[in-house]
Amino acid sequence: MSLEISTVKQVLMQKGFEKIFVVESRHDCVLLLIEFKGVNILAGIYKGLHSVYAKVVRADDLLEPYWRCDYLEYIPQGLYTFSESKNIEELAQKIVAKAEIIIKRSSQGIE
């Protein structure tokens, strides 16, 4: 199963994301720059052996030259979320929840 970018983008738009740009696309990862509630967020969506998972981080926390699937996965900033059923809609809903946490933290000055 490869990650279908159009499906990922469509589901995220339905969940309230305003703008979505593909930064990198591979067979096992899609890195998206997303605008959500006026904040730019990077979301790396990865295909694992037993699940589909994502790492969500505020774009300002990472220098642009490092906006890569491999790098995003291992930096300490950001939040992970998983869908063991490999359901992209379930994962998208969890990405929304993580994005809301990140926005709330940044508005409170918590990094």
N, C-alpha and C. Protein backbone atom coordinates (compact mmCIF):
# COMPACT_ATOMS: atom_id res chain seq x y z
N MET A 1 0.84 -1.18 0.00
CA MET A 1 0.00 0.00 0.00
C MET A 1 0.89 1.24 0.00
N SER A 2 0.75 2.06 -1.00
CA SER A 2 1.47 3.33 -1.00
C SER A 2 0.53 4.42 -0.49
N LEU A 3 1.10 5.52 -0.07
CA LEU A 3 0.28 6.61 0.43
C LEU A 3 -0.23 7.43 -0.75
N GLU A 4 -1.53 7.48 -0.90
CA GLU A 4 -2.17 8.21 -1.99
C GLU A 4 -2.33 9.67 -1.58
N ILE A 5 -1.54 10.55 -2.17
CA ILE A 5 -1.49 11.95 -1.78
C ILE A 5 -2.84 12.64 -1.94
N SER A 6 -3.54 12.39 -3.04
CA SER A 6 -4.82 13.06 -3.25
C SER A 6 -5.83 12.68 -2.18
N THR A 7 -5.81 11.43 -1.75
CA THR A 7 -6.72 10.98 -0.69
C THR A 7 -6.37 11.65 0.63
N VAL A 8 -5.07 11.68 0.95
CA VAL A 8 -4.61 12.31 2.18
C VAL A 8 -5.04 13.78 2.20
N LYS A 9 -4.79 14.50 1.12
CA LYS A 9 -5.14 15.92 1.05
C LYS A 9 -6.65 16.12 1.17
N GLN A 10 -7.42 15.29 0.48
CA GLN A 10 -8.87 15.42 0.51
C GLN A 10 -9.42 15.22 1.93
N VAL A 11 -8.94 14.20 2.60
CA VAL A 11 -9.41 13.93 3.96
C VAL A 11 -9.04 15.06 4.90
N LEU A 12 -7.81 15.57 4.81
CA LEU A 12 -7.39 16.66 5.69
C LEU A 12 -8.18 17.93 5.42
N MET A 13 -8.49 18.22 4.16
CA MET A 13 -9.31 19.40 3.84
C MET A 13 -10.70 19.26 4.46
N GLN A 14 -11.25 18.06 4.43
CA GLN A 14 -12.56 17.81 5.03
C GLN A 14 -12.53 18.00 6.55
N LYS A 15 -11.35 17.82 7.15
CA LYS A 15 -11.21 17.93 8.60
C LYS A 15 -10.91 19.36 9.05
N GLY A 16 -10.83 20.32 8.11
CA GLY A 16 -10.69 21.71 8.49
C GLY A 16 -9.36 22.37 8.19
N PHE A 17 -8.44 21.66 7.56
CA PHE A 17 -7.18 22.28 7.20
C PHE A 17 -7.44 23.23 6.03
N GLU A 18 -6.78 24.39 6.05
CA GLU A 18 -7.09 25.43 5.09
C GLU A 18 -6.30 25.31 3.79
N LYS A 19 -4.99 25.11 3.89
CA LYS A 19 -4.14 24.98 2.71
C LYS A 19 -3.21 23.80 2.94
N ILE A 20 -2.96 23.05 1.88
CA ILE A 20 -2.09 21.88 1.99
C ILE A 20 -1.14 21.87 0.80
N PHE A 21 0.16 21.82 1.11
CA PHE A 21 1.19 21.76 0.09
C PHE A 21 2.04 20.51 0.31
N VAL A 22 2.34 19.79 -0.75
CA VAL A 22 3.20 18.62 -0.65
C VAL A 22 4.66 19.10 -0.71
N VAL A 23 5.41 18.80 0.34
CA VAL A 23 6.82 19.17 0.42
C VAL A 23 7.69 18.04 -0.12
N GLU A 24 7.32 16.81 0.22
CA GLU A 24 8.07 15.64 -0.23
C GLU A 24 7.10 14.46 -0.34
N SER A 25 7.34 13.62 -1.33
CA SER A 25 6.49 12.45 -1.51
C SER A 25 7.36 11.25 -1.89
N ARG A 26 7.22 10.20 -1.10
CA ARG A 26 7.90 8.93 -1.37
C ARG A 26 6.88 7.81 -1.23
N HIS A 27 7.27 6.60 -1.54
CA HIS A 27 6.31 5.49 -1.44
C HIS A 27 5.89 5.22 0.00
N ASP A 28 6.74 5.58 0.99
CA ASP A 28 6.43 5.29 2.39
C ASP A 28 6.22 6.54 3.24
N CYS A 29 6.23 7.72 2.61
CA CYS A 29 6.09 8.97 3.38
C CYS A 29 5.57 10.09 2.49
N VAL A 30 4.71 10.90 3.08
CA VAL A 30 4.27 12.14 2.45
C VAL A 30 4.47 13.23 3.50
N LEU A 31 5.23 14.26 3.14
CA LEU A 31 5.43 15.39 4.04
C LEU A 31 4.62 16.57 3.53
N LEU A 32 3.74 17.06 4.37
CA LEU A 32 2.84 18.14 3.99
C LEU A 32 3.08 19.38 4.82
N LEU A 33 2.99 20.53 4.18
CA LEU A 33 2.94 21.81 4.87
C LEU A 33 1.49 22.23 4.86
N ILE A 34 0.94 22.42 6.05
CA ILE A 34 -0.50 22.64 6.20
C ILE A 34 -0.75 23.93 6.96
N GLU A 35 -1.71 24.69 6.51
CA GLU A 35 -2.15 25.84 7.28
C GLU A 35 -3.41 25.44 8.03
N PHE A 36 -3.38 25.60 9.34
CA PHE A 36 -4.51 25.21 10.19
C PHE A 36 -4.70 26.30 11.23
N LYS A 37 -5.84 26.95 11.18
CA LYS A 37 -6.16 28.05 12.10
C LYS A 37 -5.09 29.13 12.07
N GLY A 38 -4.57 29.40 10.86
CA GLY A 38 -3.58 30.45 10.68
C GLY A 38 -2.16 30.09 11.05
N VAL A 39 -1.91 28.84 11.43
CA VAL A 39 -0.57 28.39 11.82
C VAL A 39 -0.07 27.38 10.80
N ASN A 40 1.20 27.52 10.38
CA ASN A 40 1.80 26.56 9.45
C ASN A 40 2.33 25.37 10.23
N ILE A 41 1.91 24.19 9.80
CA ILE A 41 2.26 22.95 10.47
C ILE A 41 2.81 21.97 9.45
N LEU A 42 3.85 21.25 9.85
CA LEU A 42 4.36 20.15 9.02
C LEU A 42 3.76 18.86 9.53
N ALA A 43 3.29 18.04 8.62
CA ALA A 43 2.76 16.72 8.98
C ALA A 43 3.43 15.69 8.08
N GLY A 44 4.22 14.85 8.69
CA GLY A 44 4.82 13.73 7.98
C GLY A 44 3.94 12.52 8.19
N ILE A 45 3.45 11.94 7.11
CA ILE A 45 2.59 10.76 7.19
C ILE A 45 3.38 9.58 6.66
N TYR A 46 3.55 8.56 7.50
CA TYR A 46 4.43 7.44 7.21
C TYR A 46 3.66 6.13 7.16
N LYS A 47 4.10 5.26 6.28
CA LYS A 47 3.51 3.92 6.18
C LYS A 47 4.48 2.95 6.85
N GLY A 48 4.06 2.36 7.96
CA GLY A 48 4.85 1.37 8.66
C GLY A 48 4.39 -0.03 8.30
N LEU A 49 5.02 -1.01 8.91
CA LEU A 49 4.62 -2.41 8.66
C LEU A 49 3.24 -2.73 9.20
N HIS A 50 2.93 -2.20 10.39
CA HIS A 50 1.68 -2.56 11.05
C HIS A 50 0.71 -1.40 11.24
N SER A 51 1.10 -0.22 10.82
CA SER A 51 0.23 0.94 11.01
C SER A 51 0.62 2.05 10.05
N VAL A 52 -0.25 3.03 9.98
CA VAL A 52 0.06 4.30 9.33
C VAL A 52 0.17 5.29 10.47
N TYR A 53 1.22 6.12 10.45
CA TYR A 53 1.40 7.05 11.54
C TYR A 53 1.85 8.40 11.01
N ALA A 54 1.74 9.40 11.87
CA ALA A 54 2.10 10.76 11.47
C ALA A 54 2.87 11.44 12.59
N LYS A 55 3.73 12.35 12.18
CA LYS A 55 4.39 13.26 13.13
C LYS A 55 3.98 14.66 12.74
N VAL A 56 3.53 15.41 13.72
CA VAL A 56 3.01 16.76 13.49
C VAL A 56 3.88 17.73 14.29
N VAL A 57 4.37 18.77 13.62
CA VAL A 57 5.23 19.76 14.27
C VAL A 57 4.94 21.13 13.67
N ARG A 58 5.06 22.16 14.48
CA ARG A 58 4.90 23.52 13.98
C ARG A 58 6.05 23.82 13.02
N ALA A 59 5.76 24.35 11.86
CA ALA A 59 6.77 24.58 10.82
C ALA A 59 7.88 25.51 11.30
N ASP A 60 7.55 26.46 12.16
CA ASP A 60 8.55 27.39 12.67
C ASP A 60 9.60 26.72 13.55
N ASP A 61 9.32 25.52 14.03
CA ASP A 61 10.26 24.80 14.90
C ASP A 61 11.37 24.09 14.14
N LEU A 62 11.31 24.14 12.82
CA LEU A 62 12.27 23.40 12.00
C LEU A 62 12.72 24.27 10.83
N LEU A 63 14.02 24.42 10.65
CA LEU A 63 14.52 25.20 9.52
C LEU A 63 14.12 24.53 8.21
N GLU A 64 13.77 25.34 7.23
CA GLU A 64 13.25 24.83 5.96
C GLU A 64 14.16 23.80 5.26
N PRO A 65 15.48 23.94 5.28
CA PRO A 65 16.30 22.91 4.62
C PRO A 65 16.12 21.50 5.22
N TYR A 66 15.57 21.44 6.43
CA TYR A 66 15.36 20.15 7.09
C TYR A 66 13.92 19.63 6.96
N TRP A 67 13.14 20.25 6.11
CA TRP A 67 11.78 19.77 5.88
C TRP A 67 11.86 18.54 4.99
N ARG A 68 12.22 17.41 5.58
CA ARG A 68 12.38 16.13 4.88
C ARG A 68 11.75 15.04 5.73
N CYS A 69 11.20 14.04 5.09
CA CYS A 69 10.58 12.91 5.81
C CYS A 69 11.53 12.30 6.83
N ASP A 70 12.75 12.00 6.39
CA ASP A 70 13.70 11.33 7.27
C ASP A 70 14.06 12.19 8.48
N TYR A 71 14.25 13.47 8.27
CA TYR A 71 14.66 14.34 9.36
C TYR A 71 13.51 14.56 10.34
N LEU A 72 12.32 14.81 9.84
CA LEU A 72 11.17 15.10 10.69
C LEU A 72 10.90 13.96 11.66
N GLU A 73 11.09 12.76 11.20
CA GLU A 73 10.76 11.58 12.01
C GLU A 73 11.60 11.50 13.29
N TYR A 74 12.80 12.07 13.27
CA TYR A 74 13.72 11.88 14.39
C TYR A 74 14.03 13.11 15.23
N ILE A 75 13.45 14.27 14.88
CA ILE A 75 13.70 15.45 15.71
C ILE A 75 12.86 15.35 16.99
N PRO A 76 13.31 15.98 18.07
CA PRO A 76 12.56 15.86 19.33
C PRO A 76 11.26 16.65 19.36
N GLN A 77 11.12 17.70 18.56
CA GLN A 77 9.89 18.49 18.55
C GLN A 77 8.78 17.71 17.86
N GLY A 78 7.55 18.03 18.23
CA GLY A 78 6.39 17.46 17.54
C GLY A 78 5.72 16.34 18.31
N LEU A 79 4.60 15.92 17.75
CA LEU A 79 3.78 14.88 18.37
C LEU A 79 3.48 13.79 17.35
N TYR A 80 3.51 12.54 17.80
CA TYR A 80 3.17 11.40 16.95
C TYR A 80 1.72 10.99 17.16
N THR A 81 1.14 10.38 16.13
CA THR A 81 -0.17 9.76 16.24
C THR A 81 -0.20 8.56 15.31
N PHE A 82 -1.00 7.55 15.66
CA PHE A 82 -0.99 6.27 14.94
C PHE A 82 -2.40 5.82 14.57
N SER A 83 -2.48 5.07 13.47
CA SER A 83 -3.71 4.38 13.08
C SER A 83 -3.32 2.93 12.77
N GLU A 84 -3.56 2.05 13.74
CA GLU A 84 -3.21 0.64 13.54
C GLU A 84 -4.05 0.00 12.45
N SER A 85 -5.23 0.54 12.19
CA SER A 85 -6.10 -0.02 11.15
C SER A 85 -5.69 0.45 9.75
N LYS A 86 -4.67 1.31 9.68
CA LYS A 86 -4.20 1.90 8.43
C LYS A 86 -5.30 2.70 7.71
N ASN A 87 -6.20 3.28 8.51
CA ASN A 87 -7.30 4.07 7.99
C ASN A 87 -6.87 5.54 7.94
N ILE A 88 -6.77 6.09 6.74
CA ILE A 88 -6.27 7.45 6.59
C ILE A 88 -7.24 8.48 7.18
N GLU A 89 -8.54 8.20 7.16
CA GLU A 89 -9.50 9.14 7.75
C GLU A 89 -9.35 9.18 9.27
N GLU A 90 -9.15 8.03 9.89
CA GLU A 90 -8.90 7.98 11.33
C GLU A 90 -7.61 8.74 11.67
N LEU A 91 -6.58 8.52 10.87
CA LEU A 91 -5.32 9.22 11.10
C LEU A 91 -5.48 10.72 10.94
N ALA A 92 -6.24 11.15 9.94
CA ALA A 92 -6.47 12.58 9.72
C ALA A 92 -7.15 13.22 10.92
N GLN A 93 -8.11 12.53 11.51
CA GLN A 93 -8.80 13.06 12.69
C GLN A 93 -7.81 13.22 13.85
N LYS A 94 -6.90 12.27 13.98
CA LYS A 94 -5.89 12.34 15.03
C LYS A 94 -4.87 13.44 14.75
N ILE A 95 -4.57 13.69 13.47
CA ILE A 95 -3.67 14.79 13.11
C ILE A 95 -4.30 16.12 13.50
N VAL A 96 -5.61 16.27 13.29
CA VAL A 96 -6.33 17.48 13.69
C VAL A 96 -6.16 17.69 15.19
N ALA A 97 -6.35 16.64 15.98
CA ALA A 97 -6.23 16.75 17.44
C ALA A 97 -4.82 17.17 17.85
N LYS A 98 -3.81 16.59 17.22
CA LYS A 98 -2.41 16.95 17.54
C LYS A 98 -2.11 18.38 17.10
N ALA A 99 -2.63 18.79 15.95
CA ALA A 99 -2.42 20.16 15.47
C ALA A 99 -3.05 21.16 16.45
N GLU A 100 -4.21 20.84 16.97
CA GLU A 100 -4.85 21.72 17.94
C GLU A 100 -4.03 21.83 19.22
N ILE A 101 -3.42 20.74 19.66
CA ILE A 101 -2.54 20.78 20.84
C ILE A 101 -1.34 21.68 20.56
N ILE A 102 -0.73 21.52 19.40
CA ILE A 102 0.44 22.33 19.04
C ILE A 102 0.08 23.81 18.99
N ILE A 103 -1.06 24.15 18.41
CA ILE A 103 -1.49 25.54 18.33
C ILE A 103 -1.75 26.10 19.73
N LYS A 104 -2.39 25.32 20.55
CA LYS A 104 -2.68 25.76 21.94
C LYS A 104 -1.38 25.99 22.70
N ARG A 105 -0.43 25.08 22.56
CA ARG A 105 0.87 25.24 23.24
C ARG A 105 1.61 26.48 22.76
N SER A 106 1.60 26.73 21.45
CA SER A 106 2.33 27.88 20.91
C SER A 106 1.67 29.18 21.35
N SER A 107 0.35 29.19 21.49
CA SER A 107 -0.33 30.42 21.93
C SER A 107 -0.09 30.69 23.41
N GLN A 108 0.27 29.64 24.16
CA GLN A 108 0.56 29.80 25.59
C GLN A 108 2.06 29.98 25.84
N GLY A 109 2.84 29.94 24.76
CA GLY A 109 4.29 30.08 24.90
C GLY A 109 4.99 28.82 25.33
N ILE A 110 4.31 27.67 25.23
CA ILE A 110 4.91 26.38 25.57
C ILE A 110 5.45 25.77 24.30
N GLU A 111 6.69 25.38 24.30
CA GLU A 111 7.30 24.78 23.11
C GLU A 111 7.40 23.30 23.26
